[in-house]
Amino acid sequence: MHTPESQSLEDRMQDEDFVSAYREASYHFLRMLYPAVVHVISTASPEIGLAQIRFALGIEESSMSDQAAKLNVTPQCISKGAREFIRQNNLPIPPCMESEASSEAHRQGRINHINQIKKQ
């Protein structure tokens, strides 16, 4: 008797559950492929666009600061592009990026601090 891991792809394609899961995964991949290509070719540099996508998908292992330094851009450049990709494609925010609420609270805190300095 064959276990699923030892079956050939042809044998596994006879299993309706496997085919359904395979189609679902393929659909999700293809759904992201076109927007990813468009994003990469619309950025100033393909390397920057790819870094933004890796962070948006949560598959980048290095820090945003390290990637930014390698690409000679600011971390904000990578973050902004990643957030835009996330927003345009209705993706969940990956754990490697802070939440929108946290980002907004941080931004509002900076604005409040600047306003306090102006009043002095």
C-alpha atoms as a PDB file:
ATOM      1  CA  MET A   1       0.000   0.000   0.000  1.00  0.00           C
ATOM      2  CA  HIS A   2       1.280   3.444  -0.917  1.00  0.00           C
ATOM      3  CA  THR A   3       1.271   6.355   1.472  1.00  0.00           C
ATOM      4  CA  PRO A   4       0.402   9.747  -0.040  1.00  0.00           C
ATOM      5  CA  GLU A   5       4.045  10.814   0.176  1.00  0.00           C
ATOM      6  CA  SER A   6       5.269   7.807  -1.810  1.00  0.00           C
ATOM      7  CA  GLN A   7       2.626   7.998  -4.557  1.00  0.00           C
ATOM      8  CA  SER A   8       3.564   9.435  -7.904  1.00  0.00           C
ATOM      9  CA  LEU A   9       1.984  12.698  -9.019  1.00  0.00           C
ATOM     10  CA  GLU A  10      -0.070  10.795 -11.603  1.00  0.00           C
ATOM     11  CA  ASP A  11      -1.488   8.560  -8.864  1.00  0.00           C
ATOM     12  CA  ARG A  12      -2.193  11.500  -6.603  1.00  0.00           C
ATOM     13  CA  MET A  13      -4.012  13.332  -9.422  1.00  0.00           C
ATOM     14  CA  GLN A  14      -6.646  10.559  -9.285  1.00  0.00           C
ATOM     15  CA  ASP A  15      -7.533  11.598  -5.722  1.00  0.00           C
ATOM     16  CA  GLU A  16     -10.274  14.248  -5.885  1.00  0.00           C
ATOM     17  CA  ASP A  17      -9.300  15.818  -2.542  1.00  0.00           C
ATOM     18  CA  PHE A  18      -5.705  16.208  -3.695  1.00  0.00           C
ATOM     19  CA  VAL A  19      -6.808  17.693  -7.022  1.00  0.00           C
ATOM     20  CA  SER A  20      -9.126  20.123  -5.256  1.00  0.00           C
ATOM     21  CA  ALA A  21      -6.378  21.259  -2.853  1.00  0.00           C
ATOM     22  CA  TYR A  22      -3.902  21.490  -5.729  1.00  0.00           C
ATOM     23  CA  ARG A  23      -6.316  23.642  -7.758  1.00  0.00           C
ATOM     24  CA  GLU A  24      -6.968  25.874  -4.768  1.00  0.00           C
ATOM     25  CA  ALA A  25      -3.241  26.420  -4.166  1.00  0.00           C
ATOM     26  CA  SER A  26      -2.677  27.052  -7.875  1.00  0.00           C
ATOM     27  CA  TYR A  27      -5.494  29.574  -7.925  1.00  0.00           C
ATOM     28  CA  HIS A  28      -4.024  31.504  -4.987  1.00  0.00           C
ATOM     29  CA  PHE A  29      -0.576  31.500  -6.585  1.00  0.00           C
ATOM     30  CA  LEU A  30      -1.888  32.736  -9.922  1.00  0.00           C
ATOM     31  CA  ARG A  31      -4.057  35.339  -8.199  1.00  0.00           C
ATOM     32  CA  MET A  32      -0.915  36.860  -6.662  1.00  0.00           C
ATOM     33  CA  LEU A  33       1.419  36.413  -9.636  1.00  0.00           C
ATOM     34  CA  TYR A  34       0.006  39.128 -11.906  1.00  0.00           C
ATOM     35  CA  PRO A  35      -0.221  41.850  -9.211  1.00  0.00           C
ATOM     36  CA  ALA A  36       3.307  40.970  -8.088  1.00  0.00           C
ATOM     37  CA  VAL A  37       4.683  41.347 -11.624  1.00  0.00           C
ATOM     38  CA  VAL A  38       2.840  44.651 -12.086  1.00  0.00           C
ATOM     39  CA  HIS A  39       4.203  45.904  -8.760  1.00  0.00           C
ATOM     40  CA  VAL A  40       7.785  44.953  -9.618  1.00  0.00           C
ATOM     41  CA  ILE A  41       7.764  46.618 -13.032  1.00  0.00           C
ATOM     42  CA  SER A  42       6.108  49.768 -11.673  1.00  0.00           C
ATOM     43  CA  THR A  43       8.740  50.434  -8.990  1.00  0.00           C
ATOM     44  CA  ALA A  44      11.934  52.414  -9.453  1.00  0.00           C
ATOM     45  CA  SER A  45      13.966  49.214  -9.203  1.00  0.00           C
ATOM     46  CA  PRO A  46      12.943  45.554  -9.572  1.00  0.00           C
ATOM     47  CA  GLU A  47      14.998  44.698  -6.486  1.00  0.00           C
ATOM     48  CA  ILE A  48      13.058  47.224  -4.382  1.00  0.00           C
ATOM     49  CA  GLY A  49       9.736  45.935  -5.731  1.00  0.00           C
ATOM     50  CA  LEU A  50      10.685  42.345  -4.937  1.00  0.00           C
ATOM     51  CA  ALA A  51      11.724  43.293  -1.396  1.00  0.00           C
ATOM     52  CA  GLN A  52       8.387  45.058  -0.890  1.00  0.00           C
ATOM     53  CA  ILE A  53       6.510  41.958  -2.062  1.00  0.00           C
ATOM     54  CA  ARG A  54       8.565  39.634   0.148  1.00  0.00           C
ATOM     55  CA  PHE A  55       7.680  41.731   3.199  1.00  0.00           C
ATOM     56  CA  ALA A  56       4.023  42.046   2.134  1.00  0.00           C
ATOM     57  CA  LEU A  57       3.772  38.253   1.864  1.00  0.00           C
ATOM     58  CA  GLY A  58       5.745  37.698   5.076  1.00  0.00           C
ATOM     59  CA  ILE A  59       8.448  35.603   3.423  1.00  0.00           C
ATOM     60  CA  GLU A  60      11.454  37.877   4.003  1.00  0.00           C
ATOM     61  CA  GLU A  61      13.777  36.577   6.683  1.00  0.00           C
ATOM     62  CA  SER A  62      16.042  39.596   7.131  1.00  0.00           C
ATOM     63  CA  SER A  63      14.997  42.824   8.798  1.00  0.00           C
ATOM     64  CA  MET A  64      13.524  45.680   6.830  1.00  0.00           C
ATOM     65  CA  SER A  65      16.459  47.866   7.870  1.00  0.00           C
ATOM     66  CA  ASP A  66      18.964  45.316   6.563  1.00  0.00           C
ATOM     67  CA  GLN A  67      17.138  45.004   3.250  1.00  0.00           C
ATOM     68  CA  ALA A  68      16.874  48.778   2.937  1.00  0.00           C
ATOM     69  CA  ALA A  69      20.601  49.187   3.559  1.00  0.00           C
ATOM     70  CA  LYS A  70      21.417  46.579   0.896  1.00  0.00           C
ATOM     71  CA  LEU A  71      19.170  48.379  -1.590  1.00  0.00           C
ATOM     72  CA  ASN A  72      20.328  51.864  -0.572  1.00  0.00           C
ATOM     73  CA  VAL A  73      16.805  53.018   0.336  1.00  0.00           C
ATOM     74  CA  THR A  74      15.027  53.794   3.590  1.00  0.00           C
ATOM     75  CA  PRO A  75      13.044  51.166   5.483  1.00  0.00           C
ATOM     76  CA  GLN A  76      10.037  53.446   4.958  1.00  0.00           C
ATOM     77  CA  CYS A  77      10.398  52.969   1.190  1.00  0.00           C
ATOM     78  CA  ILE A  78      10.099  49.207   1.566  1.00  0.00           C
ATOM     79  CA  SER A  79       7.330  49.470   4.151  1.00  0.00           C
ATOM     80  CA  LYS A  80       5.284  51.896   2.067  1.00  0.00           C
ATOM     81  CA  GLY A  81       5.436  49.669  -1.015  1.00  0.00           C
ATOM     82  CA  ALA A  82       4.671  46.551   1.013  1.00  0.00           C
ATOM     83  CA  ARG A  83       1.663  48.203   2.663  1.00  0.00           C
ATOM     84  CA  GLU A  84       0.396  49.398  -0.701  1.00  0.00           C
ATOM     85  CA  PHE A  85       0.694  45.867  -2.117  1.00  0.00           C
ATOM     86  CA  ILE A  86      -1.137  44.495   0.934  1.00  0.00           C
ATOM     87  CA  ARG A  87      -3.924  47.069   0.584  1.00  0.00           C
ATOM     88  CA  GLN A  88      -4.353  46.622  -3.177  1.00  0.00           C
ATOM     89  CA  ASN A  89      -4.607  42.853  -2.881  1.00  0.00           C
ATOM     90  CA  ASN A  90      -6.657  42.600   0.329  1.00  0.00           C
ATOM     91  CA  LEU A  91      -3.943  40.618   2.082  1.00  0.00           C
ATOM     92  CA  PRO A  92      -3.608  40.172   5.817  1.00  0.00           C
ATOM     93  CA  ILE A  93      -0.744  42.085   7.391  1.00  0.00           C
ATOM     94  CA  PRO A  94       2.044  39.563   8.053  1.00  0.00           C
ATOM     95  CA  PRO A  95       3.493  39.201  11.541  1.00  0.00           C
ATOM     96  CA  CYS A  96       6.783  40.725  10.369  1.00  0.00           C
ATOM     97  CA  MET A  97       5.026  44.070   9.834  1.00  0.00           C
ATOM     98  CA  GLU A  98       3.267  46.052  12.503  1.00  0.00           C
ATOM     99  CA  SER A  99      -0.485  46.461  12.279  1.00  0.00           C
ATOM    100  CA  GLU A 100      -2.113  49.468  10.621  1.00  0.00           C
ATOM    101  CA  ALA A 101      -3.569  50.524  13.969  1.00  0.00           C
ATOM    102  CA  SER A 102      -0.127  50.455  15.571  1.00  0.00           C
ATOM    103  CA  SER A 103       1.342  52.409  12.681  1.00  0.00           C
ATOM    104  CA  GLU A 104      -1.428  55.015  12.870  1.00  0.00           C
ATOM    105  CA  ALA A 105      -1.000  55.376  16.638  1.00  0.00           C
ATOM    106  CA  HIS A 106       2.747  55.875  16.163  1.00  0.00           C
ATOM    107  CA  ARG A 107       2.138  58.500  13.448  1.00  0.00           C
ATOM    108  CA  GLN A 108      -0.395  60.340  15.604  1.00  0.00           C
ATOM    109  CA  GLY A 109       2.050  60.312  18.512  1.00  0.00           C
ATOM    110  CA  ARG A 110       4.719  61.965  16.343  1.00  0.00           C
ATOM    111  CA  ILE A 111       2.221  64.603  15.187  1.00  0.00           C
ATOM    112  CA  ASN A 112       1.207  65.339  18.775  1.00  0.00           C
ATOM    113  CA  HIS A 113       4.843  65.651  19.810  1.00  0.00           C
ATOM    114  CA  ILE A 114       5.568  68.103  16.968  1.00  0.00           C
ATOM    115  CA  ASN A 115       2.492  70.148  17.886  1.00  0.00           C
ATOM    116  CA  GLN A 116       3.659  70.344  21.514  1.00  0.00           C
ATOM    117  CA  ILE A 117       7.083  71.575  20.416  1.00  0.00           C
ATOM    118  CA  LYS A 118       5.476  74.247  18.207  1.00  0.00           C
ATOM    119  CA  LYS A 119       3.422  75.537  21.173  1.00  0.00           C
ATOM    120  CA  GLN A 120       6.545  76.079  23.296  1.00  0.00           C
END
